[in-house]
mmCIF file of all heavy atoms, coordinates in Angstrom:
data_MODEL
# 
_entry.id   MODEL 
# 
loop_
_atom_site.group_PDB 
_atom_site.id 
_atom_site.type_symbol 
_atom_site.label_atom_id 
_atom_site.label_alt_id 
_atom_site.label_comp_id 
_atom_site.label_asym_id 
_atom_site.label_entity_id 
_atom_site.label_seq_id 
_atom_site.pdbx_PDB_ins_code 
_atom_site.Cartn_x 
_atom_site.Cartn_y 
_atom_site.Cartn_z 
_atom_site.occupancy 
_atom_site.B_iso_or_equiv 
_atom_site.pdbx_formal_charge 
_atom_site.auth_seq_id 
_atom_site.auth_comp_id 
_atom_site.auth_asym_id 
_atom_site.auth_atom_id 
_atom_site.pdbx_PDB_model_num 
ATOM 1   N N   . LEU A 1 1  ? 33.054 -27.394 155.564 1.00 0.00 ? 1  LEU A N   1 
ATOM 2   C CA  . LEU A 1 1  ? 33.593 -27.607 154.223 1.00 0.00 ? 1  LEU A CA  1 
ATOM 3   C C   . LEU A 1 1  ? 32.617 -27.069 153.171 1.00 0.00 ? 1  LEU A C   1 
ATOM 4   O O   . LEU A 1 1  ? 33.018 -26.416 152.203 1.00 0.00 ? 1  LEU A O   1 
ATOM 5   C CB  . LEU A 1 1  ? 33.843 -29.097 153.998 1.00 0.00 ? 1  LEU A CB  1 
ATOM 6   C CG  . LEU A 1 1  ? 34.360 -29.478 152.618 1.00 0.00 ? 1  LEU A CG  1 
ATOM 7   C CD1 . LEU A 1 1  ? 35.781 -28.956 152.417 1.00 0.00 ? 1  LEU A CD1 1 
ATOM 8   C CD2 . LEU A 1 1  ? 34.311 -31.001 152.431 1.00 0.00 ? 1  LEU A CD2 1 
ATOM 9   N N   . LEU A 1 2  ? 31.328 -27.368 153.359 1.00 0.00 ? 2  LEU A N   1 
ATOM 10  C CA  . LEU A 1 2  ? 30.290 -26.893 152.440 1.00 0.00 ? 2  LEU A CA  1 
ATOM 11  C C   . LEU A 1 2  ? 29.211 -26.197 153.255 1.00 0.00 ? 2  LEU A C   1 
ATOM 12  O O   . LEU A 1 2  ? 28.714 -26.750 154.236 1.00 0.00 ? 2  LEU A O   1 
ATOM 13  C CB  . LEU A 1 2  ? 29.672 -28.053 151.659 1.00 0.00 ? 2  LEU A CB  1 
ATOM 14  C CG  . LEU A 1 2  ? 28.479 -27.700 150.759 1.00 0.00 ? 2  LEU A CG  1 
ATOM 15  C CD1 . LEU A 1 2  ? 28.943 -26.855 149.567 1.00 0.00 ? 2  LEU A CD1 1 
ATOM 16  C CD2 . LEU A 1 2  ? 27.770 -28.957 150.270 1.00 0.00 ? 2  LEU A CD2 1 
ATOM 17  N N   . ARG A 1 3  ? 28.859 -24.988 152.853 1.00 0.00 ? 3  ARG A N   1 
ATOM 18  C CA  . ARG A 1 3  ? 27.780 -24.257 153.498 1.00 0.00 ? 3  ARG A CA  1 
ATOM 19  C C   . ARG A 1 3  ? 26.780 -23.826 152.423 1.00 0.00 ? 3  ARG A C   1 
ATOM 20  O O   . ARG A 1 3  ? 27.101 -23.011 151.560 1.00 0.00 ? 3  ARG A O   1 
ATOM 21  C CB  . ARG A 1 3  ? 28.305 -23.033 154.249 1.00 0.00 ? 3  ARG A CB  1 
ATOM 22  C CG  . ARG A 1 3  ? 27.223 -22.313 155.054 1.00 0.00 ? 3  ARG A CG  1 
ATOM 23  C CD  . ARG A 1 3  ? 27.779 -21.204 155.935 1.00 0.00 ? 3  ARG A CD  1 
ATOM 24  N NE  . ARG A 1 3  ? 28.261 -20.069 155.161 1.00 0.00 ? 3  ARG A NE  1 
ATOM 25  C CZ  . ARG A 1 3  ? 29.529 -19.719 155.054 1.00 0.00 ? 3  ARG A CZ  1 
ATOM 26  N NH1 . ARG A 1 3  ? 30.475 -20.427 155.662 1.00 0.00 ? 3  ARG A NH1 1 
ATOM 27  N NH2 . ARG A 1 3  ? 29.883 -18.660 154.336 1.00 0.00 ? 3  ARG A NH2 1 
ATOM 28  N N   . VAL A 1 4  ? 25.600 -24.422 152.459 1.00 0.00 ? 4  VAL A N   1 
ATOM 29  C CA  . VAL A 1 4  ? 24.535 -24.093 151.516 1.00 0.00 ? 4  VAL A CA  1 
ATOM 30  C C   . VAL A 1 4  ? 23.582 -23.130 152.201 1.00 0.00 ? 4  VAL A C   1 
ATOM 31  O O   . VAL A 1 4  ? 23.112 -23.393 153.312 1.00 0.00 ? 4  VAL A O   1 
ATOM 32  C CB  . VAL A 1 4  ? 23.785 -25.365 151.078 1.00 0.00 ? 4  VAL A CB  1 
ATOM 33  C CG1 . VAL A 1 4  ? 22.599 -25.025 150.190 1.00 0.00 ? 4  VAL A CG1 1 
ATOM 34  C CG2 . VAL A 1 4  ? 24.746 -26.322 150.363 1.00 0.00 ? 4  VAL A CG2 1 
ATOM 35  N N   . ARG A 1 5  ? 23.284 -22.017 151.539 1.00 0.00 ? 5  ARG A N   1 
ATOM 36  C CA  . ARG A 1 5  ? 22.394 -21.010 152.104 1.00 0.00 ? 5  ARG A CA  1 
ATOM 37  C C   . ARG A 1 5  ? 21.333 -20.611 151.079 1.00 0.00 ? 5  ARG A C   1 
ATOM 38  O O   . ARG A 1 5  ? 21.648 -20.156 149.982 1.00 0.00 ? 5  ARG A O   1 
ATOM 39  C CB  . ARG A 1 5  ? 23.187 -19.752 152.531 1.00 0.00 ? 5  ARG A CB  1 
ATOM 40  C CG  . ARG A 1 5  ? 23.984 -19.926 153.799 1.00 0.00 ? 5  ARG A CG  1 
ATOM 41  C CD  . ARG A 1 5  ? 23.080 -19.981 155.032 1.00 0.00 ? 5  ARG A CD  1 
ATOM 42  N NE  . ARG A 1 5  ? 23.836 -20.239 156.247 1.00 0.00 ? 5  ARG A NE  1 
ATOM 43  C CZ  . ARG A 1 5  ? 24.086 -21.433 156.752 1.00 0.00 ? 5  ARG A CZ  1 
ATOM 44  N NH1 . ARG A 1 5  ? 23.630 -22.515 156.123 1.00 0.00 ? 5  ARG A NH1 1 
ATOM 45  N NH2 . ARG A 1 5  ? 24.763 -21.585 157.875 1.00 0.00 ? 5  ARG A NH2 1 
ATOM 46  N N   . ASP A 1 6  ? 20.079 -20.818 151.459 1.00 0.00 ? 6  ASP A N   1 
ATOM 47  C CA  . ASP A 1 6  ? 18.926 -20.371 150.669 1.00 0.00 ? 6  ASP A CA  1 
ATOM 48  C C   . ASP A 1 6  ? 19.029 -20.841 149.217 1.00 0.00 ? 6  ASP A C   1 
ATOM 49  O O   . ASP A 1 6  ? 18.801 -20.073 148.274 1.00 0.00 ? 6  ASP A O   1 
ATOM 50  C CB  . ASP A 1 6  ? 18.805 -18.846 150.730 1.00 0.00 ? 6  ASP A CB  1 
ATOM 51  C CG  . ASP A 1 6  ? 17.407 -18.359 150.337 1.00 0.00 ? 6  ASP A CG  1 
ATOM 52  O OD1 . ASP A 1 6  ? 16.444 -19.116 150.552 1.00 0.00 ? 6  ASP A OD1 1 
ATOM 53  O OD2 . ASP A 1 6  ? 17.300 -17.232 149.804 1.00 0.00 ? 6  ASP A OD2 1 
ATOM 54  N N   . LEU A 1 7  ? 19.341 -22.129 149.034 1.00 0.00 ? 7  LEU A N   1 
ATOM 55  C CA  . LEU A 1 7  ? 19.452 -22.683 147.688 1.00 0.00 ? 7  LEU A CA  1 
ATOM 56  C C   . LEU A 1 7  ? 18.064 -22.841 147.066 1.00 0.00 ? 7  LEU A C   1 
ATOM 57  O O   . LEU A 1 7  ? 17.184 -23.494 147.625 1.00 0.00 ? 7  LEU A O   1 
ATOM 58  C CB  . LEU A 1 7  ? 20.152 -24.046 147.735 1.00 0.00 ? 7  LEU A CB  1 
ATOM 59  C CG  . LEU A 1 7  ? 20.186 -24.833 146.414 1.00 0.00 ? 7  LEU A CG  1 
ATOM 60  C CD1 . LEU A 1 7  ? 20.952 -24.065 145.343 1.00 0.00 ? 7  LEU A CD1 1 
ATOM 61  C CD2 . LEU A 1 7  ? 20.783 -26.219 146.626 1.00 0.00 ? 7  LEU A CD2 1 
ATOM 62  N N   . ARG A 1 8  ? 17.907 -22.208 145.927 1.00 0.00 ? 8  ARG A N   1 
ATOM 63  C CA  . ARG A 1 8  ? 16.656 -22.306 145.177 1.00 0.00 ? 8  ARG A CA  1 
ATOM 64  C C   . ARG A 1 8  ? 16.980 -22.725 143.747 1.00 0.00 ? 8  ARG A C   1 
ATOM 65  O O   . ARG A 1 8  ? 17.683 -22.004 143.029 1.00 0.00 ? 8  ARG A O   1 
ATOM 66  C CB  . ARG A 1 8  ? 15.906 -20.962 145.177 1.00 0.00 ? 8  ARG A CB  1 
ATOM 67  C CG  . ARG A 1 8  ? 15.519 -20.488 146.571 1.00 0.00 ? 8  ARG A CG  1 
ATOM 68  C CD  . ARG A 1 8  ? 14.866 -19.117 146.562 1.00 0.00 ? 8  ARG A CD  1 
ATOM 69  N NE  . ARG A 1 8  ? 14.686 -18.630 147.930 1.00 0.00 ? 8  ARG A NE  1 
ATOM 70  C CZ  . ARG A 1 8  ? 13.628 -18.905 148.691 1.00 0.00 ? 8  ARG A CZ  1 
ATOM 71  N NH1 . ARG A 1 8  ? 12.657 -19.641 148.201 1.00 0.00 ? 8  ARG A NH1 1 
ATOM 72  N NH2 . ARG A 1 8  ? 13.552 -18.443 149.923 1.00 0.00 ? 8  ARG A NH2 1 
ATOM 73  N N   . THR A 1 9  ? 16.470 -23.883 143.356 1.00 0.00 ? 9  THR A N   1 
ATOM 74  C CA  . THR A 1 9  ? 16.663 -24.379 142.000 1.00 0.00 ? 9  THR A CA  1 
ATOM 75  C C   . THR A 1 9  ? 15.293 -24.602 141.384 1.00 0.00 ? 9  THR A C   1 
ATOM 76  O O   . THR A 1 9  ? 14.531 -25.467 141.838 1.00 0.00 ? 9  THR A O   1 
ATOM 77  C CB  . THR A 1 9  ? 17.474 -25.685 141.988 1.00 0.00 ? 9  THR A CB  1 
ATOM 78  O OG1 . THR A 1 9  ? 18.729 -25.471 142.645 1.00 0.00 ? 9  THR A OG1 1 
ATOM 79  C CG2 . THR A 1 9  ? 17.738 -26.136 140.566 1.00 0.00 ? 9  THR A CG2 1 
ATOM 80  N N   . TYR A 1 10 ? 14.967 -23.807 140.365 1.00 0.00 ? 10 TYR A N   1 
ATOM 81  C CA  . TYR A 1 10 ? 13.644 -23.830 139.759 1.00 0.00 ? 10 TYR A CA  1 
ATOM 82  C C   . TYR A 1 10 ? 13.743 -24.305 138.310 1.00 0.00 ? 10 TYR A C   1 
ATOM 83  O O   . TYR A 1 10 ? 14.742 -24.069 137.617 1.00 0.00 ? 10 TYR A O   1 
ATOM 84  C CB  . TYR A 1 10 ? 13.015 -22.432 139.774 1.00 0.00 ? 10 TYR A CB  1 
ATOM 85  C CG  . TYR A 1 10 ? 12.712 -21.870 141.154 1.00 0.00 ? 10 TYR A CG  1 
ATOM 86  C CD1 . TYR A 1 10 ? 12.315 -20.543 141.291 1.00 0.00 ? 10 TYR A CD1 1 
ATOM 87  C CD2 . TYR A 1 10 ? 12.827 -22.647 142.305 1.00 0.00 ? 10 TYR A CD2 1 
ATOM 88  C CE1 . TYR A 1 10 ? 12.021 -20.006 142.538 1.00 0.00 ? 10 TYR A CE1 1 
ATOM 89  C CE2 . TYR A 1 10 ? 12.543 -22.120 143.554 1.00 0.00 ? 10 TYR A CE2 1 
ATOM 90  C CZ  . TYR A 1 10 ? 12.150 -20.800 143.669 1.00 0.00 ? 10 TYR A CZ  1 
ATOM 91  O OH  . TYR A 1 10 ? 11.868 -20.268 144.910 1.00 0.00 ? 10 TYR A OH  1 
ATOM 92  N N   . PHE A 1 11 ? 12.669 -24.957 137.858 1.00 0.00 ? 11 PHE A N   1 
ATOM 93  C CA  . PHE A 1 11 ? 12.568 -25.411 136.477 1.00 0.00 ? 11 PHE A CA  1 
ATOM 94  C C   . PHE A 1 11 ? 11.397 -24.674 135.825 1.00 0.00 ? 11 PHE A C   1 
ATOM 95  O O   . PHE A 1 11 ? 10.268 -24.715 136.319 1.00 0.00 ? 11 PHE A O   1 
ATOM 96  C CB  . PHE A 1 11 ? 12.357 -26.928 136.410 1.00 0.00 ? 11 PHE A CB  1 
ATOM 97  C CG  . PHE A 1 11 ? 13.564 -27.711 136.827 1.00 0.00 ? 11 PHE A CG  1 
ATOM 98  C CD1 . PHE A 1 11 ? 13.858 -27.898 138.175 1.00 0.00 ? 11 PHE A CD1 1 
ATOM 99  C CD2 . PHE A 1 11 ? 14.421 -28.245 135.879 1.00 0.00 ? 11 PHE A CD2 1 
ATOM 100 C CE1 . PHE A 1 11 ? 14.978 -28.610 138.562 1.00 0.00 ? 11 PHE A CE1 1 
ATOM 101 C CE2 . PHE A 1 11 ? 15.554 -28.958 136.262 1.00 0.00 ? 11 PHE A CE2 1 
ATOM 102 C CZ  . PHE A 1 11 ? 15.834 -29.139 137.610 1.00 0.00 ? 11 PHE A CZ  1 
ATOM 103 N N   . TYR A 1 12 ? 11.683 -24.017 134.722 1.00 0.00 ? 12 TYR A N   1 
ATOM 104 C CA  . TYR A 1 12 ? 10.693 -23.193 134.043 1.00 0.00 ? 12 TYR A CA  1 
ATOM 105 C C   . TYR A 1 12 ? 10.071 -24.013 132.913 1.00 0.00 ? 12 TYR A C   1 
ATOM 106 O O   . TYR A 1 12 ? 10.684 -24.225 131.867 1.00 0.00 ? 12 TYR A O   1 
ATOM 107 C CB  . TYR A 1 12 ? 11.337 -21.906 133.536 1.00 0.00 ? 12 TYR A CB  1 
ATOM 108 C CG  . TYR A 1 12 ? 11.760 -21.014 134.682 1.00 0.00 ? 12 TYR A CG  1 
ATOM 109 C CD1 . TYR A 1 12 ? 12.947 -21.242 135.380 1.00 0.00 ? 12 TYR A CD1 1 
ATOM 110 C CD2 . TYR A 1 12 ? 10.937 -19.977 135.105 1.00 0.00 ? 12 TYR A CD2 1 
ATOM 111 C CE1 . TYR A 1 12 ? 13.316 -20.456 136.462 1.00 0.00 ? 12 TYR A CE1 1 
ATOM 112 C CE2 . TYR A 1 12 ? 11.296 -19.177 136.184 1.00 0.00 ? 12 TYR A CE2 1 
ATOM 113 C CZ  . TYR A 1 12 ? 12.485 -19.430 136.862 1.00 0.00 ? 12 TYR A CZ  1 
ATOM 114 O OH  . TYR A 1 12 ? 12.838 -18.643 137.937 1.00 0.00 ? 12 TYR A OH  1 
ATOM 115 N N   . THR A 1 13 ? 8.858  -24.511 133.154 1.00 0.00 ? 13 THR A N   1 
ATOM 116 C CA  . THR A 1 13 ? 8.200  -25.430 132.240 1.00 0.00 ? 13 THR A CA  1 
ATOM 117 C C   . THR A 1 13 ? 6.925  -24.810 131.681 1.00 0.00 ? 13 THR A C   1 
ATOM 118 O O   . THR A 1 13 ? 6.464  -23.752 132.123 1.00 0.00 ? 13 THR A O   1 
ATOM 119 C CB  . THR A 1 13 ? 7.836  -26.739 132.972 1.00 0.00 ? 13 THR A CB  1 
ATOM 120 O OG1 . THR A 1 13 ? 6.740  -26.485 133.882 1.00 0.00 ? 13 THR A OG1 1 
ATOM 121 C CG2 . THR A 1 13 ? 9.022  -27.268 133.769 1.00 0.00 ? 13 THR A CG2 1 
ATOM 122 N N   . GLU A 1 14 ? 6.316  -25.515 130.719 1.00 0.00 ? 14 GLU A N   1 
ATOM 123 C CA  . GLU A 1 14 ? 5.056  -25.054 130.138 1.00 0.00 ? 14 GLU A CA  1 
ATOM 124 C C   . GLU A 1 14 ? 3.933  -25.052 131.169 1.00 0.00 ? 14 GLU A C   1 
ATOM 125 O O   . GLU A 1 14 ? 2.948  -24.313 131.027 1.00 0.00 ? 14 GLU A O   1 
ATOM 126 C CB  . GLU A 1 14 ? 4.669  -25.949 128.958 1.00 0.00 ? 14 GLU A CB  1 
ATOM 127 C CG  . GLU A 1 14 ? 5.618  -25.848 127.775 1.00 0.00 ? 14 GLU A CG  1 
ATOM 128 C CD  . GLU A 1 14 ? 5.207  -26.759 126.647 1.00 0.00 ? 14 GLU A CD  1 
ATOM 129 O OE1 . GLU A 1 14 ? 4.234  -27.535 126.832 1.00 0.00 ? 14 GLU A OE1 1 
ATOM 130 O OE2 . GLU A 1 14 ? 5.841  -26.699 125.576 1.00 0.00 ? 14 GLU A OE2 1 
ATOM 131 N N   . ASN A 1 15 ? 4.073  -25.889 132.192 1.00 0.00 ? 15 ASN A N   1 
ATOM 132 C CA  . ASN A 1 15 ? 3.034  -25.987 133.221 1.00 0.00 ? 15 ASN A CA  1 
ATOM 133 C C   . ASN A 1 15 ? 3.273  -25.035 134.388 1.00 0.00 ? 15 ASN A C   1 
ATOM 134 O O   . ASN A 1 15 ? 2.550  -25.084 135.389 1.00 0.00 ? 15 ASN A O   1 
ATOM 135 C CB  . ASN A 1 15 ? 2.952  -27.422 133.748 1.00 0.00 ? 15 ASN A CB  1 
ATOM 136 C CG  . ASN A 1 15 ? 2.546  -28.409 132.675 1.00 0.00 ? 15 ASN A CG  1 
ATOM 137 O OD1 . ASN A 1 15 ? 1.699  -28.105 131.844 1.00 0.00 ? 15 ASN A OD1 1 
ATOM 138 N ND2 . ASN A 1 15 ? 3.159  -29.579 132.688 1.00 0.00 ? 15 ASN A ND2 1 
ATOM 139 N N   . GLY A 1 16 ? 4.291  -24.191 134.264 1.00 0.00 ? 16 GLY A N   1 
ATOM 140 C CA  . GLY A 1 16 ? 4.592  -23.252 135.329 1.00 0.00 ? 16 GLY A CA  1 
ATOM 141 C C   . GLY A 1 16 ? 5.991  -23.465 135.887 1.00 0.00 ? 16 GLY A C   1 
ATOM 142 O O   . GLY A 1 16 ? 6.761  -24.291 135.393 1.00 0.00 ? 16 GLY A O   1 
ATOM 143 N N   . VAL A 1 17 ? 6.317  -22.726 136.923 1.00 0.00 ? 17 VAL A N   1 
ATOM 144 C CA  . VAL A 1 17 ? 7.637  -22.816 137.550 1.00 0.00 ? 17 VAL A CA  1 
ATOM 145 C C   . VAL A 1 17 ? 7.620  -23.919 138.600 1.00 0.00 ? 17 VAL A C   1 
ATOM 146 O O   . VAL A 1 17 ? 6.854  -23.862 139.572 1.00 0.00 ? 17 VAL A O   1 
ATOM 147 C CB  . VAL A 1 17 ? 8.034  -21.475 138.198 1.00 0.00 ? 17 VAL A CB  1 
ATOM 148 C CG1 . VAL A 1 17 ? 9.406  -21.595 138.847 1.00 0.00 ? 17 VAL A CG1 1 
ATOM 149 C CG2 . VAL A 1 17 ? 8.022  -20.359 137.168 1.00 0.00 ? 17 VAL A CG2 1 
ATOM 150 N N   . ALA A 1 18 ? 8.451  -24.930 138.386 1.00 0.00 ? 18 ALA A N   1 
ATOM 151 C CA  . ALA A 1 18 ? 8.575  -26.036 139.347 1.00 0.00 ? 18 ALA A CA  1 
ATOM 152 C C   . ALA A 1 18 ? 9.688  -25.692 140.333 1.00 0.00 ? 18 ALA A C   1 
ATOM 153 O O   . ALA A 1 18 ? 10.865 -25.684 139.965 1.00 0.00 ? 18 ALA A O   1 
ATOM 154 C CB  . ALA A 1 18 ? 8.876  -27.337 138.622 1.00 0.00 ? 18 ALA A CB  1 
ATOM 155 N N   . ARG A 1 19 ? 9.311  -25.412 141.573 1.00 0.00 ? 19 ARG A N   1 
ATOM 156 C CA  . ARG A 1 19 ? 10.292 -25.024 142.592 1.00 0.00 ? 19 ARG A CA  1 
ATOM 157 C C   . ARG A 1 19 ? 10.838 -26.288 143.249 1.00 0.00 ? 19 ARG A C   1 
ATOM 158 O O   . ARG A 1 19 ? 10.496 -26.636 144.375 1.00 0.00 ? 19 ARG A O   1 
ATOM 159 C CB  . ARG A 1 19 ? 9.647  -24.084 143.602 1.00 0.00 ? 19 ARG A CB  1 
ATOM 160 C CG  . ARG A 1 19 ? 9.247  -22.733 143.008 1.00 0.00 ? 19 ARG A CG  1 
ATOM 161 C CD  . ARG A 1 19 ? 8.536  -21.860 144.021 1.00 0.00 ? 19 ARG A CD  1 
ATOM 162 N NE  . ARG A 1 19 ? 7.191  -22.353 144.324 1.00 0.00 ? 19 ARG A NE  1 
ATOM 163 C CZ  . ARG A 1 19 ? 6.522  -22.064 145.439 1.00 0.00 ? 19 ARG A CZ  1 
ATOM 164 N NH1 . ARG A 1 19 ? 7.078  -21.306 146.369 1.00 0.00 ? 19 ARG A NH1 1 
ATOM 165 N NH2 . ARG A 1 19 ? 5.314  -22.542 145.620 1.00 0.00 ? 19 ARG A NH2 1 
ATOM 166 N N   . ALA A 1 20 ? 11.712 -26.993 142.523 1.00 0.00 ? 20 ALA A N   1 
ATOM 167 C CA  . ALA A 1 20 ? 12.188 -28.305 142.963 1.00 0.00 ? 20 ALA A CA  1 
ATOM 168 C C   . ALA A 1 20 ? 12.947 -28.233 144.280 1.00 0.00 ? 20 ALA A C   1 
ATOM 169 O O   . ALA A 1 20 ? 12.781 -29.078 145.162 1.00 0.00 ? 20 ALA A O   1 
ATOM 170 C CB  . ALA A 1 20 ? 13.078 -28.919 141.877 1.00 0.00 ? 20 ALA A CB  1 
ATOM 171 N N   . VAL A 1 21 ? 13.812 -27.239 144.411 1.00 0.00 ? 21 VAL A N   1 
ATOM 172 C CA  . VAL A 1 21 ? 14.510 -26.965 145.674 1.00 0.00 ? 21 VAL A CA  1 
ATOM 173 C C   . VAL A 1 21 ? 14.198 -25.520 146.013 1.00 0.00 ? 21 VAL A C   1 
ATOM 174 O O   . VAL A 1 21 ? 14.480 -24.617 145.231 1.00 0.00 ? 21 VAL A O   1 
ATOM 175 C CB  . VAL A 1 21 ? 16.028 -27.194 145.538 1.00 0.00 ? 21 VAL A CB  1 
ATOM 176 C CG1 . VAL A 1 21 ? 16.747 -26.815 146.820 1.00 0.00 ? 21 VAL A CG1 1 
ATOM 177 C CG2 . VAL A 1 21 ? 16.320 -28.655 145.187 1.00 0.00 ? 21 VAL A CG2 1 
ATOM 178 N N   . ASP A 1 22 ? 13.630 -25.305 147.190 1.00 0.00 ? 22 ASP A N   1 
ATOM 179 C CA  . ASP A 1 22 ? 12.980 -24.019 147.452 1.00 0.00 ? 22 ASP A CA  1 
ATOM 180 C C   . ASP A 1 22 ? 13.452 -23.378 148.752 1.00 0.00 ? 22 ASP A C   1 
ATOM 181 O O   . ASP A 1 22 ? 12.705 -23.288 149.726 1.00 0.00 ? 22 ASP A O   1 
ATOM 182 C CB  . ASP A 1 22 ? 11.463 -24.231 147.473 1.00 0.00 ? 22 ASP A CB  1 
ATOM 183 C CG  . ASP A 1 22 ? 10.686 -22.933 147.300 1.00 0.00 ? 22 ASP A CG  1 
ATOM 184 O OD1 . ASP A 1 22 ? 11.277 -21.948 146.824 1.00 0.00 ? 22 ASP A OD1 1 
ATOM 185 O OD2 . ASP A 1 22 ? 9.497  -22.918 147.642 1.00 0.00 ? 22 ASP A OD2 1 
ATOM 186 N N   . GLY A 1 23 ? 14.734 -22.978 148.766 1.00 0.00 ? 23 GLY A N   1 
ATOM 187 C CA  . GLY A 1 23 ? 15.243 -22.211 149.902 1.00 0.00 ? 23 GLY A CA  1 
ATOM 188 C C   . GLY A 1 23 ? 15.812 -23.047 151.024 1.00 0.00 ? 23 GLY A C   1 
ATOM 189 O O   . GLY A 1 23 ? 15.517 -22.790 152.194 1.00 0.00 ? 23 GLY A O   1 
ATOM 190 N N   . ILE A 1 24 ? 16.646 -24.037 150.699 1.00 0.00 ? 24 ILE A N   1 
ATOM 191 C CA  . ILE A 1 24 ? 17.198 -24.898 151.748 1.00 0.00 ? 24 ILE A CA  1 
ATOM 192 C C   . ILE A 1 24 ? 18.578 -24.404 152.178 1.00 0.00 ? 24 ILE A C   1 
ATOM 193 O O   . ILE A 1 24 ? 19.322 -23.799 151.398 1.00 0.00 ? 24 ILE A O   1 
ATOM 194 C CB  . ILE A 1 24 ? 17.284 -26.379 151.315 1.00 0.00 ? 24 ILE A CB  1 
ATOM 195 C CG1 . ILE A 1 24 ? 18.344 -26.591 150.222 1.00 0.00 ? 24 ILE A CG1 1 
ATOM 196 C CG2 . ILE A 1 24 ? 15.925 -26.873 150.827 1.00 0.00 ? 24 ILE A CG2 1 
ATOM 197 C CD1 . ILE A 1 24 ? 18.641 -28.050 149.953 1.00 0.00 ? 24 ILE A CD1 1 
ATOM 198 N N   . SER A 1 25 ? 18.917 -24.667 153.435 1.00 0.00 ? 25 SER A N   1 
ATOM 199 C CA  . SER A 1 25 ? 20.218 -24.296 154.003 1.00 0.00 ? 25 SER A CA  1 
ATOM 200 C C   . SER A 1 25 ? 20.718 -25.448 154.863 1.00 0.00 ? 25 SER A C   1 
ATOM 201 O O   . SER A 1 25 ? 19.958 -26.017 155.647 1.00 0.00 ? 25 SER A O   1 
ATOM 202 C CB  . SER A 1 25 ? 20.103 -23.031 154.856 1.00 0.00 ? 25 SER A CB  1 
ATOM 203 O OG  . SER A 1 25 ? 19.648 -21.930 154.092 1.00 0.00 ? 25 SER A OG  1 
# 
């Protein structure tokens, strides 16, 4: 029903890029 592939969700902050979700499948 749901297929997640290489999900990357990043937050671009003053302290740098927060790779909160980093390539999950």
